[in-house]
N, C-alpha and C. Protein backbone atom coordinates (compact mmCIF):
# COMPACT_ATOMS: atom_id res chain seq x y z
N MET A 1 123.67 64.65 56.16
CA MET A 1 124.23 63.55 57.45
C MET A 1 123.60 62.36 57.06
N ASN A 2 124.70 61.90 57.00
CA ASN A 2 124.81 60.22 57.14
C ASN A 2 124.04 59.53 58.38
N PRO A 3 123.26 58.49 58.25
CA PRO A 3 122.67 57.67 59.15
C PRO A 3 123.49 57.47 60.41
N ARG A 4 125.00 56.87 59.91
CA ARG A 4 125.74 56.53 61.11
C ARG A 4 126.14 58.40 61.76
N GLU A 5 126.32 58.74 61.08
CA GLU A 5 126.95 60.39 61.73
C GLU A 5 125.98 60.79 62.68
N ALA A 6 124.41 60.61 62.28
CA ALA A 6 123.35 61.12 62.80
C ALA A 6 123.02 60.41 64.04
N GLU A 7 123.47 59.02 64.17
CA GLU A 7 123.21 58.04 65.41
C GLU A 7 124.62 58.64 66.26
N SER A 8 125.81 58.65 65.89
CA SER A 8 126.83 58.91 66.69
C SER A 8 126.58 60.55 67.45
N GLN A 9 126.54 61.28 66.83
CA GLN A 9 125.73 62.50 66.85
C GLN A 9 124.29 62.25 68.29
N ARG A 10 123.81 61.70 67.97
CA ARG A 10 122.41 61.55 68.93
C ARG A 10 123.08 60.77 70.44
N GLN A 11 123.99 60.00 70.25
CA GLN A 11 124.66 59.29 71.29
C GLN A 11 125.25 60.04 72.30
N HIS A 12 125.92 60.92 71.10
CA HIS A 12 126.91 62.02 71.97
C HIS A 12 126.18 63.19 73.12
N HIS A 13 124.99 63.63 72.20
CA HIS A 13 124.39 64.57 72.74
C HIS A 13 123.65 63.69 74.31
N GLU A 14 123.25 62.62 74.11
CA GLU A 14 122.80 61.81 75.45
C GLU A 14 123.65 61.58 76.67
N GLN A 15 125.05 60.97 76.01
CA GLN A 15 126.19 60.87 77.00
C GLN A 15 126.43 62.33 77.60
N VAL A 16 126.33 63.44 76.89
CA VAL A 16 126.60 64.43 77.36
C VAL A 16 125.69 65.53 78.47
N LEU A 17 124.29 65.11 78.16
CA LEU A 17 123.12 65.58 79.00
C LEU A 17 123.13 64.52 80.14
N ALA A 18 123.58 63.16 80.19
CA ALA A 18 123.75 62.59 81.34
C ALA A 18 124.87 62.92 82.33
N GLU A 19 125.81 63.47 81.72
CA GLU A 19 127.08 63.80 82.55
C GLU A 19 126.30 65.26 82.80
N LEU A 20 125.87 66.00 82.41
CA LEU A 20 125.21 67.56 82.75
C LEU A 20 124.41 67.05 83.95
N GLU A 21 123.62 66.33 83.68
CA GLU A 21 122.45 66.31 84.82
C GLU A 21 122.98 65.78 86.26
N VAL A 22 124.20 65.00 86.24
CA VAL A 22 124.83 64.43 87.34
C VAL A 22 125.48 65.86 88.02
N VAL A 23 126.27 66.43 87.67
CA VAL A 23 127.02 67.82 87.61
C VAL A 23 126.20 68.84 88.24
N ILE A 24 124.91 68.95 87.59
CA ILE A 24 123.74 69.65 88.17
C ILE A 24 123.41 68.98 89.57
N THR A 25 123.04 68.10 89.75
CA THR A 25 122.56 67.11 90.68
C THR A 25 124.27 67.56 91.80
N LEU A 26 125.04 67.41 91.81
CA LEU A 26 126.06 67.48 92.72
C LEU A 26 126.51 68.81 93.13
N LEU A 27 125.90 70.05 92.06
CA LEU A 27 126.16 71.36 92.45
C LEU A 27 125.74 71.90 93.84
N ASP A 28 124.55 70.93 94.53
CA ASP A 28 124.22 71.37 95.74
C ASP A 28 125.65 70.78 97.14
N GLU A 29 125.99 69.85 96.35
CA GLU A 29 127.55 69.22 97.16
C GLU A 29 128.69 69.82 96.87
N TRP A 30 128.70 70.75 96.40
CA TRP A 30 130.06 71.29 96.18
C TRP A 30 130.16 72.28 96.79
N ASP A 31 131.64 72.41 97.27
CA ASP A 31 131.93 73.54 98.06
C ASP A 31 132.17 75.09 97.38
N VAL A 32 131.28 75.16 96.39
CA VAL A 32 131.77 76.64 95.78
C VAL A 32 130.10 77.49 96.05
N ASP A 33 130.35 78.57 95.60
CA ASP A 33 129.10 79.79 95.44
C ASP A 33 128.31 79.07 94.06
N HIS A 34 127.07 78.50 94.54
CA HIS A 34 126.27 78.51 93.45
C HIS A 34 126.49 78.88 91.89
N PRO A 35 125.89 80.41 92.18
CA PRO A 35 126.08 81.39 90.92
C PRO A 35 127.00 81.38 90.17
N LYS A 36 128.42 81.55 90.60
CA LYS A 36 129.48 81.07 89.84
C LYS A 36 129.79 79.88 89.38
N ALA A 37 129.53 78.58 90.09
CA ALA A 37 129.46 77.54 89.31
C ALA A 37 128.64 77.28 88.42
N ALA A 38 127.48 77.88 88.79
CA ALA A 38 126.65 77.96 87.11
C ALA A 38 126.91 78.64 85.91
N CYS A 39 127.63 79.85 86.28
CA CYS A 39 127.93 80.77 85.40
C CYS A 39 129.09 79.70 84.27
N ARG A 40 129.88 79.12 85.43
CA ARG A 40 131.36 78.11 85.23
C ARG A 40 130.42 77.25 83.80
N LEU A 41 129.25 76.67 84.05
CA LEU A 41 128.90 75.74 83.10
C LEU A 41 128.02 76.10 82.14
N ILE A 42 127.40 77.29 82.24
CA ILE A 42 127.07 78.11 81.12
C ILE A 42 128.00 78.22 80.20
N ALA A 43 129.00 78.71 80.61
CA ALA A 43 130.47 79.39 79.73
C ALA A 43 131.11 78.21 79.37
N SER A 44 130.69 76.92 80.13
CA SER A 44 131.54 75.61 79.48
C SER A 44 130.94 75.54 78.35
N ARG A 45 132.21 74.97 77.43
CA ARG A 45 132.32 74.49 75.73
C ARG A 45 131.74 73.18 75.72
N ARG A 46 131.47 72.76 76.81
CA ARG A 46 130.97 70.86 76.65
C ARG A 46 129.48 71.72 76.90
N TYR A 47 128.98 72.14 77.84
CA TYR A 47 127.77 72.19 78.68
C TYR A 47 127.28 73.31 78.07
N GLY A 48 127.72 74.51 77.84
CA GLY A 48 127.00 75.98 77.67
C GLY A 48 125.55 75.19 76.52
N ARG A 49 126.05 74.95 75.73
CA ARG A 49 124.91 74.68 74.77
C ARG A 49 123.98 74.43 75.27
N TYR A 50 123.95 73.41 76.22
CA TYR A 50 122.77 72.36 76.36
C TYR A 50 122.08 73.70 77.64
N LEU A 51 122.51 74.50 78.03
CA LEU A 51 122.06 75.57 79.23
C LEU A 51 121.42 76.56 78.80
N GLY A 52 120.52 77.31 79.38
CA GLY A 52 119.87 78.46 79.19
C GLY A 52 120.11 79.44 80.67
N THR A 53 119.69 80.51 80.16
CA THR A 53 119.37 81.82 81.30
C THR A 53 118.24 82.22 81.59
N ASN A 54 117.49 81.25 82.30
CA ASN A 54 115.87 81.90 82.35
C ASN A 54 115.73 82.38 83.63
């Protein structure tokens, strides 16, 4: 992987993690069932790779 691509991927990962942090924070405010919302996040192609089921 070349340095430009590595930097681009690093920035993308940081952006996705920042978005995910906001989504998780807002989970309490959503008018949905938490376990179902969490399952949707875990199944998400965008966020799922950053989450686990511990």
